[in-house]
């Protein structure tokens, strides 16, 4: 890690991250024996380092109210090879929301992505729940570029802030069901 205080990993109130997608060239063995204990959910496969980044970021947020937002490939939500890590993540109850966003929003990747929102002190009405927002169709394509408009951003923000079920747009799911 780049930020340490002596023998402790520094923590932050807010972390925003866009780690490299599904890298294969990383030191899995070092992470498996991490002295900073960032592998608390398990060691990800050599072929996909996404959950190494996720665990590093969770370990780097203030345990007394830190928040993080991470942009990731959509595959982190469904790949079978990481199922046990995801189960432990859900049990940890720091994942507040998952926002699925549409294709072609990034120059270097046509794939769908997701935004994972973490909070170490979720409000009582959000405990043991995760909000899933489907924003995959909230993409405008113009002049060969794709983007999300200010109005669409406001819609996503409204859904996150209200944390309710909205037909075909958002669902609040109990962790026990996930």
N, C-alpha and C. Protein backbone atom coordinates (compact mmCIF):
# COMPACT_ATOMS: atom_id res chain seq x y z
N UNK A 1 0.82 -1.21 0.00
CA UNK A 1 0.00 0.00 0.00
C UNK A 1 0.85 1.26 0.00
N UNK A 2 0.32 2.31 -0.58
CA UNK A 2 1.05 3.58 -0.65
C UNK A 2 0.86 4.42 0.61
N UNK A 3 -0.19 4.16 1.38
CA UNK A 3 -0.51 5.00 2.53
C UNK A 3 -0.51 4.16 3.80
N UNK A 4 0.55 4.32 4.60
CA UNK A 4 0.66 3.62 5.87
C UNK A 4 1.09 4.61 6.95
N UNK A 5 0.70 4.30 8.17
CA UNK A 5 1.16 5.02 9.35
C UNK A 5 1.93 4.01 10.20
N UNK A 6 3.23 3.99 10.04
CA UNK A 6 4.03 3.01 10.77
C UNK A 6 3.64 1.60 10.34
N UNK A 7 3.11 0.85 11.29
CA UNK A 7 2.73 -0.54 11.00
C UNK A 7 1.23 -0.68 10.75
N UNK A 8 0.55 0.43 10.48
CA UNK A 8 -0.90 0.40 10.23
C UNK A 8 -1.22 0.95 8.85
N UNK A 9 -2.21 0.37 8.26
CA UNK A 9 -2.74 0.87 6.99
C UNK A 9 -3.53 2.14 7.28
N UNK A 10 -3.25 3.22 6.57
CA UNK A 10 -4.02 4.46 6.77
C UNK A 10 -5.45 4.24 6.31
N UNK A 11 -6.36 4.92 6.95
CA UNK A 11 -7.77 4.86 6.54
C UNK A 11 -8.25 6.27 6.20
N UNK A 12 -9.29 6.29 5.37
CA UNK A 12 -9.81 7.56 4.86
C UNK A 12 -11.31 7.60 5.01
N UNK A 13 -11.86 8.80 5.11
CA UNK A 13 -13.31 8.96 5.21
C UNK A 13 -13.99 8.68 3.88
N UNK A 14 -13.32 9.01 2.78
CA UNK A 14 -13.90 8.81 1.44
C UNK A 14 -12.82 8.28 0.51
N UNK A 15 -13.17 7.24 -0.25
CA UNK A 15 -12.28 6.70 -1.26
C UNK A 15 -13.08 6.56 -2.56
N UNK A 16 -12.53 7.09 -3.64
CA UNK A 16 -13.09 6.91 -4.99
C UNK A 16 -12.05 6.15 -5.79
N UNK A 17 -12.47 5.08 -6.47
CA UNK A 17 -11.49 4.27 -7.17
C UNK A 17 -12.01 3.70 -8.48
N UNK A 18 -11.08 3.56 -9.42
CA UNK A 18 -11.33 2.92 -10.70
C UNK A 18 -10.11 2.04 -10.97
N UNK A 19 -10.03 0.89 -10.26
CA UNK A 19 -8.85 0.04 -10.43
C UNK A 19 -8.82 -0.61 -11.81
N UNK A 20 -7.66 -1.08 -12.24
CA UNK A 20 -7.59 -1.76 -13.53
C UNK A 20 -8.49 -3.00 -13.53
N UNK A 21 -9.19 -3.20 -14.62
CA UNK A 21 -10.16 -4.29 -14.71
C UNK A 21 -9.49 -5.65 -14.86
N UNK A 22 -9.81 -6.56 -13.95
CA UNK A 22 -9.51 -7.99 -14.06
C UNK A 22 -8.08 -8.30 -14.47
N UNK A 23 -7.13 -7.64 -13.84
CA UNK A 23 -5.74 -7.89 -14.22
C UNK A 23 -5.30 -9.30 -13.81
N UNK A 24 -4.43 -9.86 -14.61
CA UNK A 24 -3.91 -11.21 -14.36
C UNK A 24 -2.50 -11.16 -13.78
N UNK A 25 -1.75 -10.12 -14.07
CA UNK A 25 -0.36 -9.99 -13.65
C UNK A 25 -0.30 -9.26 -12.31
N UNK A 26 -0.53 -9.99 -11.24
CA UNK A 26 -0.44 -9.41 -9.91
C UNK A 26 0.15 -10.47 -8.97
N UNK A 27 0.62 -10.05 -7.82
CA UNK A 27 1.30 -10.96 -6.90
C UNK A 27 0.29 -11.59 -5.94
N UNK A 28 -0.37 -12.63 -6.42
CA UNK A 28 -1.39 -13.33 -5.62
C UNK A 28 -0.80 -13.91 -4.34
N UNK A 29 0.39 -14.48 -4.42
CA UNK A 29 1.01 -15.10 -3.25
C UNK A 29 1.26 -14.06 -2.15
N UNK A 30 1.74 -12.90 -2.53
CA UNK A 30 1.98 -11.84 -1.55
C UNK A 30 0.66 -11.40 -0.91
N UNK A 31 -0.39 -11.31 -1.72
CA UNK A 31 -1.69 -10.91 -1.17
C UNK A 31 -2.24 -11.99 -0.23
N UNK A 32 -2.01 -13.25 -0.55
CA UNK A 32 -2.48 -14.35 0.31
C UNK A 32 -1.84 -14.28 1.69
N UNK A 33 -0.63 -13.74 1.76
CA UNK A 33 0.10 -13.61 3.03
C UNK A 33 0.29 -12.15 3.42
N UNK A 34 -0.69 -11.33 3.12
CA UNK A 34 -0.60 -9.88 3.28
C UNK A 34 -0.43 -9.49 4.75
N UNK A 35 0.64 -8.78 5.06
CA UNK A 35 0.88 -8.35 6.44
C UNK A 35 -0.11 -7.28 6.89
N UNK A 36 -0.79 -6.66 5.94
CA UNK A 36 -1.78 -5.63 6.27
C UNK A 36 -3.18 -6.22 6.46
N UNK A 37 -3.29 -7.54 6.31
CA UNK A 37 -4.54 -8.28 6.50
C UNK A 37 -5.66 -7.79 5.59
N UNK A 38 -5.29 -7.50 4.35
CA UNK A 38 -6.29 -7.03 3.39
C UNK A 38 -6.98 -8.18 2.67
N UNK A 39 -6.66 -9.40 2.96
CA UNK A 39 -7.31 -10.54 2.33
C UNK A 39 -8.36 -11.15 3.25
N UNK A 40 -9.08 -10.33 3.96
CA UNK A 40 -10.05 -10.77 4.97
C UNK A 40 -11.27 -11.48 4.38
N UNK A 41 -11.51 -11.35 3.10
CA UNK A 41 -12.62 -12.06 2.45
C UNK A 41 -12.12 -13.29 1.70
N UNK A 42 -10.82 -13.40 1.52
CA UNK A 42 -10.23 -14.51 0.78
C UNK A 42 -9.32 -13.99 -0.32
N UNK A 43 -8.52 -14.87 -0.85
CA UNK A 43 -7.58 -14.51 -1.90
C UNK A 43 -8.21 -14.74 -3.26
N UNK A 44 -8.32 -13.70 -4.07
CA UNK A 44 -8.92 -13.84 -5.40
C UNK A 44 -8.07 -14.73 -6.32
N UNK A 45 -8.67 -15.21 -7.39
CA UNK A 45 -7.92 -16.03 -8.34
C UNK A 45 -6.85 -15.21 -9.06
N UNK A 46 -5.81 -15.89 -9.53
CA UNK A 46 -4.74 -15.21 -10.26
C UNK A 46 -5.28 -14.50 -11.50
N UNK A 47 -6.34 -15.05 -12.09
CA UNK A 47 -6.86 -14.51 -13.35
C UNK A 47 -7.70 -13.25 -13.19
N UNK A 48 -8.04 -12.87 -11.96
CA UNK A 48 -8.90 -11.71 -11.72
C UNK A 48 -8.53 -11.07 -10.38
N UNK A 49 -7.92 -9.90 -10.41
CA UNK A 49 -7.49 -9.23 -9.17
C UNK A 49 -8.53 -8.27 -8.62
N UNK A 50 -9.73 -8.22 -9.21
CA UNK A 50 -10.72 -7.22 -8.80
C UNK A 50 -11.00 -7.24 -7.30
N UNK A 51 -11.18 -8.43 -6.73
CA UNK A 51 -11.50 -8.49 -5.31
C UNK A 51 -10.29 -8.22 -4.42
N UNK A 52 -9.09 -8.25 -4.94
CA UNK A 52 -7.93 -7.78 -4.18
C UNK A 52 -8.03 -6.26 -4.03
N UNK A 53 -8.37 -5.58 -5.12
CA UNK A 53 -8.55 -4.12 -5.05
C UNK A 53 -9.72 -3.77 -4.13
N UNK A 54 -10.82 -4.48 -4.25
CA UNK A 54 -11.99 -4.21 -3.40
C UNK A 54 -11.62 -4.35 -1.93
N UNK A 55 -10.94 -5.43 -1.58
CA UNK A 55 -10.57 -5.64 -0.17
C UNK A 55 -9.59 -4.58 0.31
N UNK A 56 -8.63 -4.20 -0.54
CA UNK A 56 -7.69 -3.15 -0.17
C UNK A 56 -8.45 -1.85 0.11
N UNK A 57 -9.42 -1.53 -0.73
CA UNK A 57 -10.18 -0.29 -0.55
C UNK A 57 -11.04 -0.34 0.70
N UNK A 58 -11.72 -1.46 0.94
CA UNK A 58 -12.52 -1.59 2.17
C UNK A 58 -11.62 -1.44 3.40
N UNK A 59 -10.44 -2.06 3.37
CA UNK A 59 -9.51 -1.95 4.49
C UNK A 59 -8.99 -0.53 4.66
N UNK A 60 -9.09 0.27 3.61
CA UNK A 60 -8.57 1.64 3.63
C UNK A 60 -9.62 2.69 3.98
N UNK A 61 -10.86 2.28 4.24
CA UNK A 61 -11.86 3.27 4.65
C UNK A 61 -12.04 3.24 6.16
N UNK A 62 -12.30 4.39 6.70
CA UNK A 62 -12.49 4.57 8.13
C UNK A 62 -13.57 3.61 8.64
N UNK A 63 -13.25 2.75 9.60
CA UNK A 63 -14.26 1.81 10.10
C UNK A 63 -15.39 2.48 10.87
N UNK A 64 -15.21 3.76 11.21
CA UNK A 64 -16.23 4.50 11.95
C UNK A 64 -16.95 5.51 11.07
N UNK A 65 -17.27 5.12 9.86
CA UNK A 65 -18.04 6.00 9.00
C UNK A 65 -17.39 6.30 7.67
N UNK A 66 -16.50 5.47 7.22
CA UNK A 66 -15.88 5.68 5.92
C UNK A 66 -16.76 5.19 4.79
N UNK A 67 -16.58 5.82 3.63
CA UNK A 67 -17.35 5.44 2.44
C UNK A 67 -16.41 5.27 1.27
N UNK A 68 -16.81 4.40 0.36
CA UNK A 68 -16.02 4.20 -0.85
C UNK A 68 -16.95 3.93 -2.02
N UNK A 69 -16.53 4.37 -3.17
CA UNK A 69 -17.23 4.09 -4.42
C UNK A 69 -16.20 3.59 -5.41
N UNK A 70 -16.49 2.40 -5.99
CA UNK A 70 -15.53 1.76 -6.87
C UNK A 70 -16.21 1.43 -8.20
N UNK A 71 -15.57 1.81 -9.29
CA UNK A 71 -16.03 1.47 -10.63
C UNK A 71 -15.34 0.18 -11.04
N UNK A 72 -16.13 -0.84 -11.42
CA UNK A 72 -15.59 -2.17 -11.70
C UNK A 72 -16.29 -2.80 -12.90
N UNK A 73 -15.69 -3.86 -13.44
CA UNK A 73 -16.39 -4.59 -14.51
C UNK A 73 -17.60 -5.31 -13.91
N UNK A 74 -18.67 -5.40 -14.68
CA UNK A 74 -19.91 -6.01 -14.19
C UNK A 74 -19.72 -7.46 -13.75
N UNK A 75 -18.71 -8.12 -14.30
CA UNK A 75 -18.45 -9.52 -13.97
C UNK A 75 -18.17 -9.80 -12.51
N UNK A 76 -17.74 -8.78 -11.75
CA UNK A 76 -17.47 -9.01 -10.32
C UNK A 76 -18.73 -9.43 -9.57
N UNK A 77 -19.88 -9.19 -10.15
CA UNK A 77 -21.14 -9.51 -9.48
C UNK A 77 -21.58 -10.96 -9.70
N UNK A 78 -21.01 -11.63 -10.70
CA UNK A 78 -21.55 -12.94 -11.07
C UNK A 78 -20.54 -14.06 -11.29
N UNK A 79 -19.25 -13.76 -11.38
CA UNK A 79 -18.29 -14.81 -11.69
C UNK A 79 -18.28 -15.88 -10.61
N UNK A 80 -18.44 -17.14 -11.00
CA UNK A 80 -18.50 -18.26 -10.06
C UNK A 80 -17.22 -18.42 -9.26
N UNK A 81 -16.08 -18.15 -9.86
CA UNK A 81 -14.80 -18.34 -9.20
C UNK A 81 -14.65 -17.46 -7.95
N UNK A 82 -15.43 -16.39 -7.85
CA UNK A 82 -15.36 -15.47 -6.71
C UNK A 82 -16.59 -15.55 -5.81
N UNK A 83 -17.39 -16.57 -5.96
CA UNK A 83 -18.65 -16.70 -5.22
C UNK A 83 -18.45 -16.62 -3.70
N UNK A 84 -17.49 -17.35 -3.17
CA UNK A 84 -17.26 -17.36 -1.72
C UNK A 84 -16.83 -15.99 -1.21
N UNK A 85 -16.02 -15.30 -1.97
CA UNK A 85 -15.59 -13.95 -1.58
C UNK A 85 -16.81 -13.02 -1.54
N UNK A 86 -17.68 -13.11 -2.56
CA UNK A 86 -18.90 -12.27 -2.60
C UNK A 86 -19.80 -12.58 -1.41
N UNK A 87 -19.95 -13.85 -1.07
CA UNK A 87 -20.79 -14.22 0.08
C UNK A 87 -20.26 -13.57 1.36
N UNK A 88 -18.95 -13.62 1.56
CA UNK A 88 -18.35 -12.98 2.74
C UNK A 88 -18.52 -11.47 2.70
N UNK A 89 -18.45 -10.89 1.51
CA UNK A 89 -18.64 -9.44 1.37
C UNK A 89 -20.06 -9.06 1.78
N UNK A 90 -21.04 -9.82 1.33
CA UNK A 90 -22.43 -9.54 1.70
C UNK A 90 -22.60 -9.67 3.23
N UNK A 91 -22.02 -10.72 3.82
CA UNK A 91 -22.10 -10.91 5.27
C UNK A 91 -21.45 -9.78 6.06
N UNK A 92 -20.43 -9.16 5.49
CA UNK A 92 -19.74 -8.05 6.15
C UNK A 92 -20.65 -6.83 6.32
N UNK A 93 -21.64 -6.71 5.46
CA UNK A 93 -22.66 -5.64 5.50
C UNK A 93 -22.08 -4.23 5.41
N UNK A 94 -21.13 -4.05 4.52
CA UNK A 94 -20.62 -2.71 4.23
C UNK A 94 -20.99 -2.27 2.81
N UNK A 95 -21.49 -3.19 2.01
CA UNK A 95 -21.92 -2.86 0.65
C UNK A 95 -23.31 -2.25 0.73
N UNK A 96 -23.42 -0.99 0.34
CA UNK A 96 -24.67 -0.25 0.45
C UNK A 96 -25.49 -0.30 -0.83
N UNK A 97 -24.80 -0.25 -1.98
CA UNK A 97 -25.51 -0.23 -3.25
C UNK A 97 -24.62 -0.73 -4.38
N UNK A 98 -25.29 -1.27 -5.40
CA UNK A 98 -24.63 -1.66 -6.64
C UNK A 98 -25.41 -1.00 -7.77
N UNK A 99 -24.73 -0.20 -8.56
CA UNK A 99 -25.36 0.51 -9.66
C UNK A 99 -24.80 -0.06 -10.97
N UNK A 100 -25.65 -0.72 -11.73
CA UNK A 100 -25.23 -1.25 -13.03
C UNK A 100 -25.36 -0.15 -14.06
N UNK A 101 -24.27 0.10 -14.79
CA UNK A 101 -24.30 1.15 -15.81
C UNK A 101 -24.06 0.53 -17.18
N UNK A 102 -24.43 1.26 -18.21
CA UNK A 102 -24.47 0.74 -19.57
C UNK A 102 -23.13 0.57 -20.26
N UNK A 103 -23.24 0.02 -21.46
CA UNK A 103 -22.08 -0.26 -22.30
C UNK A 103 -21.52 1.01 -22.94
N UNK A 104 -20.27 0.91 -23.36
CA UNK A 104 -19.60 1.94 -24.17
C UNK A 104 -19.40 3.28 -23.47
N UNK A 105 -19.39 3.30 -22.17
CA UNK A 105 -19.16 4.56 -21.46
C UNK A 105 -17.68 4.89 -21.29
N UNK A 106 -16.80 3.93 -21.60
CA UNK A 106 -15.38 4.13 -21.42
C UNK A 106 -14.67 3.87 -22.75
N UNK A 107 -13.74 4.72 -23.09
CA UNK A 107 -13.04 4.62 -24.37
C UNK A 107 -12.34 3.28 -24.54
N UNK A 108 -11.80 2.75 -23.47
CA UNK A 108 -11.00 1.54 -23.59
C UNK A 108 -11.80 0.25 -23.38
N UNK A 109 -13.11 0.33 -23.16
CA UNK A 109 -13.87 -0.88 -22.90
C UNK A 109 -15.33 -0.71 -23.28
N UNK A 110 -15.85 -1.59 -24.13
CA UNK A 110 -17.26 -1.51 -24.50
C UNK A 110 -18.18 -2.21 -23.50
N UNK A 111 -17.61 -2.90 -22.51
CA UNK A 111 -18.43 -3.71 -21.60
C UNK A 111 -19.22 -2.88 -20.61
N UNK A 112 -20.27 -3.52 -20.07
CA UNK A 112 -21.03 -2.91 -18.98
C UNK A 112 -20.15 -2.88 -17.74
N UNK A 113 -20.40 -1.93 -16.90
CA UNK A 113 -19.65 -1.80 -15.65
C UNK A 113 -20.64 -1.66 -14.50
N UNK A 114 -20.11 -1.62 -13.30
CA UNK A 114 -20.95 -1.37 -12.14
C UNK A 114 -20.20 -0.45 -11.19
N UNK A 115 -20.97 0.22 -10.37
CA UNK A 115 -20.42 1.08 -9.32
C UNK A 115 -20.85 0.44 -8.01
N UNK A 116 -19.87 0.07 -7.20
CA UNK A 116 -20.15 -0.49 -5.88
C UNK A 116 -19.95 0.61 -4.86
N UNK A 117 -20.95 0.81 -4.00
CA UNK A 117 -20.92 1.87 -2.99
C UNK A 117 -20.83 1.21 -1.62
N UNK A 118 -19.80 1.56 -0.87
CA UNK A 118 -19.56 0.97 0.44
C UNK A 118 -19.71 2.02 1.53
N UNK A 119 -20.14 1.58 2.71
CA UNK A 119 -20.33 2.47 3.85
C UNK A 119 -20.12 1.64 5.11
N UNK A 120 -19.15 2.02 5.94
CA UNK A 120 -18.88 1.25 7.15
C UNK A 120 -19.87 1.56 8.28
N UNK A 121 -20.67 2.58 8.13
CA UNK A 121 -21.70 2.92 9.13
C UNK A 121 -23.01 3.21 8.41
N UNK A 122 -23.59 2.16 7.84
CA UNK A 122 -24.85 2.31 7.13
C UNK A 122 -25.94 2.76 8.11
N UNK A 123 -26.87 3.57 7.63
CA UNK A 123 -27.97 4.00 8.49
C UNK A 123 -28.82 2.78 8.85
N UNK A 124 -29.55 2.86 9.92
CA UNK A 124 -30.30 1.71 10.44
C UNK A 124 -31.28 1.14 9.42
N UNK A 125 -31.86 1.98 8.56
CA UNK A 125 -32.81 1.49 7.56
C UNK A 125 -32.12 0.79 6.39
N UNK A 126 -30.78 0.85 6.34
CA UNK A 126 -30.03 0.21 5.25
C UNK A 126 -29.22 -0.99 5.72
N UNK A 127 -29.26 -1.27 7.02
CA UNK A 127 -28.51 -2.40 7.55
C UNK A 127 -29.06 -3.71 6.98
N UNK A 128 -28.13 -4.62 6.69
CA UNK A 128 -28.47 -5.96 6.18
C UNK A 128 -29.27 -5.92 4.89
N UNK A 129 -29.03 -4.89 4.09
CA UNK A 129 -29.69 -4.72 2.79
C UNK A 129 -28.70 -4.15 1.80
N UNK A 130 -28.97 -4.40 0.52
CA UNK A 130 -28.19 -3.79 -0.55
C UNK A 130 -29.18 -3.29 -1.59
N UNK A 131 -28.98 -2.07 -2.05
CA UNK A 131 -29.79 -1.48 -3.11
C UNK A 131 -29.14 -1.80 -4.45
N UNK A 132 -29.91 -2.35 -5.37
CA UNK A 132 -29.44 -2.60 -6.73
C UNK A 132 -30.17 -1.65 -7.66
N UNK A 133 -29.42 -0.88 -8.42
CA UNK A 133 -29.99 0.08 -9.36
C UNK A 133 -29.63 -0.35 -10.77
N UNK A 134 -30.63 -0.49 -11.61
CA UNK A 134 -30.42 -0.83 -13.02
C UNK A 134 -30.42 0.46 -13.83
N UNK A 135 -29.24 0.91 -14.18
CA UNK A 135 -29.10 2.13 -14.98
C UNK A 135 -28.45 1.81 -16.33
N UNK A 136 -28.55 0.54 -16.75
CA UNK A 136 -27.87 0.13 -17.98
C UNK A 136 -28.42 0.82 -19.22
N UNK A 137 -29.68 1.24 -19.16
CA UNK A 137 -30.27 1.91 -20.32
C UNK A 137 -30.15 3.43 -20.24
N UNK A 138 -29.57 3.93 -19.18
CA UNK A 138 -29.41 5.38 -19.03
C UNK A 138 -28.09 5.83 -19.66
N UNK A 139 -28.03 5.65 -20.96
CA UNK A 139 -26.85 6.00 -21.74
C UNK A 139 -27.32 6.71 -23.01
N UNK A 140 -26.68 7.82 -23.33
CA UNK A 140 -26.97 8.53 -24.56
C UNK A 140 -25.78 8.34 -25.48
N UNK A 141 -26.05 8.03 -26.72
CA UNK A 141 -24.98 7.87 -27.73
C UNK A 141 -25.13 8.98 -28.75
N UNK A 142 -24.09 9.80 -28.89
CA UNK A 142 -24.14 10.93 -29.81
C UNK A 142 -22.74 11.16 -30.37
N UNK A 143 -22.64 11.32 -31.68
CA UNK A 143 -21.37 11.59 -32.35
C UNK A 143 -20.29 10.57 -31.99
N UNK A 144 -20.71 9.31 -31.89
CA UNK A 144 -19.76 8.24 -31.61
C UNK A 144 -19.31 8.14 -30.17
N UNK A 145 -19.91 8.92 -29.29
CA UNK A 145 -19.56 8.88 -27.87
C UNK A 145 -20.78 8.53 -27.05
N UNK A 146 -20.57 7.80 -25.97
CA UNK A 146 -21.65 7.47 -25.04
C UNK A 146 -21.42 8.22 -23.73
N UNK A 147 -22.51 8.65 -23.12
CA UNK A 147 -22.40 9.36 -21.85
C UNK A 147 -23.72 9.29 -21.10
N UNK A 148 -23.67 9.69 -19.84
CA UNK A 148 -24.86 9.77 -18.99
C UNK A 148 -25.15 11.25 -18.81
N UNK A 149 -26.38 11.66 -19.08
CA UNK A 149 -26.74 13.08 -18.99
C UNK A 149 -26.90 13.50 -17.53
N UNK A 150 -26.93 14.80 -17.30
CA UNK A 150 -27.16 15.32 -15.95
C UNK A 150 -28.50 14.85 -15.40
N UNK A 151 -29.52 14.78 -16.25
CA UNK A 151 -30.84 14.32 -15.81
C UNK A 151 -30.79 12.85 -15.40
N UNK A 152 -30.04 12.06 -16.15
CA UNK A 152 -29.91 10.64 -15.80
C UNK A 152 -29.13 10.47 -14.50
N UNK A 153 -28.11 11.28 -14.30
CA UNK A 153 -27.36 11.26 -13.05
C UNK A 153 -28.28 11.62 -11.89
N UNK A 154 -29.15 12.61 -12.08
CA UNK A 154 -30.10 12.98 -11.04
C UNK A 154 -31.05 11.83 -10.73
N UNK A 155 -31.47 11.08 -11.75
CA UNK A 155 -32.35 9.94 -11.53
C UNK A 155 -31.65 8.86 -10.71
N UNK A 156 -30.41 8.56 -11.04
CA UNK A 156 -29.65 7.57 -10.29
C UNK A 156 -29.44 8.03 -8.85
N UNK A 157 -29.10 9.29 -8.68
CA UNK A 157 -28.91 9.86 -7.34
C UNK A 157 -30.19 9.79 -6.53
N UNK A 158 -31.32 10.11 -7.16
CA UNK A 158 -32.62 10.03 -6.49
C UNK A 158 -32.90 8.61 -6.02
N UNK A 159 -32.64 7.63 -6.88
CA UNK A 159 -32.86 6.23 -6.51
C UNK A 159 -31.97 5.83 -5.34
N UNK A 160 -30.71 6.24 -5.38
CA UNK A 160 -29.81 5.90 -4.28
C UNK A 160 -30.27 6.55 -2.97
N UNK A 161 -30.59 7.83 -3.02
CA UNK A 161 -30.98 8.53 -1.80
C UNK A 161 -32.29 8.02 -1.21
N UNK A 162 -33.22 7.59 -2.07
CA UNK A 162 -34.51 7.11 -1.56
C UNK A 162 -34.49 5.65 -1.15
N UNK A 163 -33.57 4.86 -1.67
CA UNK A 163 -33.34 3.49 -1.23
C UNK A 163 -34.63 2.69 -1.14
N UNK A 164 -35.36 2.68 -2.25
CA UNK A 164 -36.64 1.98 -2.32
C UNK A 164 -36.73 1.17 -3.61
N UNK A 165 -37.69 0.26 -3.63
CA UNK A 165 -37.97 -0.50 -4.83
C UNK A 165 -38.72 0.37 -5.82
N UNK A 166 -38.23 0.43 -7.04
CA UNK A 166 -38.89 1.13 -8.13
C UNK A 166 -38.93 0.16 -9.31
N UNK A 167 -40.12 -0.14 -9.79
CA UNK A 167 -40.32 -1.15 -10.84
C UNK A 167 -39.34 -0.97 -12.00
N UNK A 168 -38.62 -2.03 -12.31
CA UNK A 168 -37.66 -2.08 -13.42
C UNK A 168 -36.47 -1.13 -13.29
N UNK A 169 -36.28 -0.54 -12.12
CA UNK A 169 -35.19 0.42 -11.96
C UNK A 169 -34.34 0.14 -10.72
N UNK A 170 -34.97 -0.20 -9.58
CA UNK A 170 -34.18 -0.44 -8.37
C UNK A 170 -34.87 -1.45 -7.47
N UNK A 171 -34.05 -2.14 -6.68
CA UNK A 171 -34.58 -3.12 -5.73
C UNK A 171 -33.70 -3.15 -4.49
N UNK A 172 -34.35 -3.13 -3.35
CA UNK A 172 -33.65 -3.27 -2.08
C UNK A 172 -33.79 -4.74 -1.68
N UNK A 173 -32.66 -5.42 -1.55
CA UNK A 173 -32.66 -6.85 -1.28
C UNK A 173 -32.01 -7.11 0.08
N UNK A 174 -32.66 -7.94 0.88
CA UNK A 174 -32.10 -8.36 2.16
C UNK A 174 -30.85 -9.20 1.91
N UNK A 175 -29.82 -8.98 2.72
CA UNK A 175 -28.58 -9.76 2.58
C UNK A 175 -28.84 -11.26 2.68
N UNK A 176 -29.77 -11.67 3.52
CA UNK A 176 -30.04 -13.09 3.71
C UNK A 176 -30.57 -13.73 2.43
N UNK A 177 -31.22 -12.97 1.56
CA UNK A 177 -31.73 -13.48 0.30
C UNK A 177 -30.61 -13.57 -0.74
N UNK A 178 -29.70 -12.61 -0.67
CA UNK A 178 -28.60 -12.59 -1.63
C UNK A 178 -27.72 -13.81 -1.42
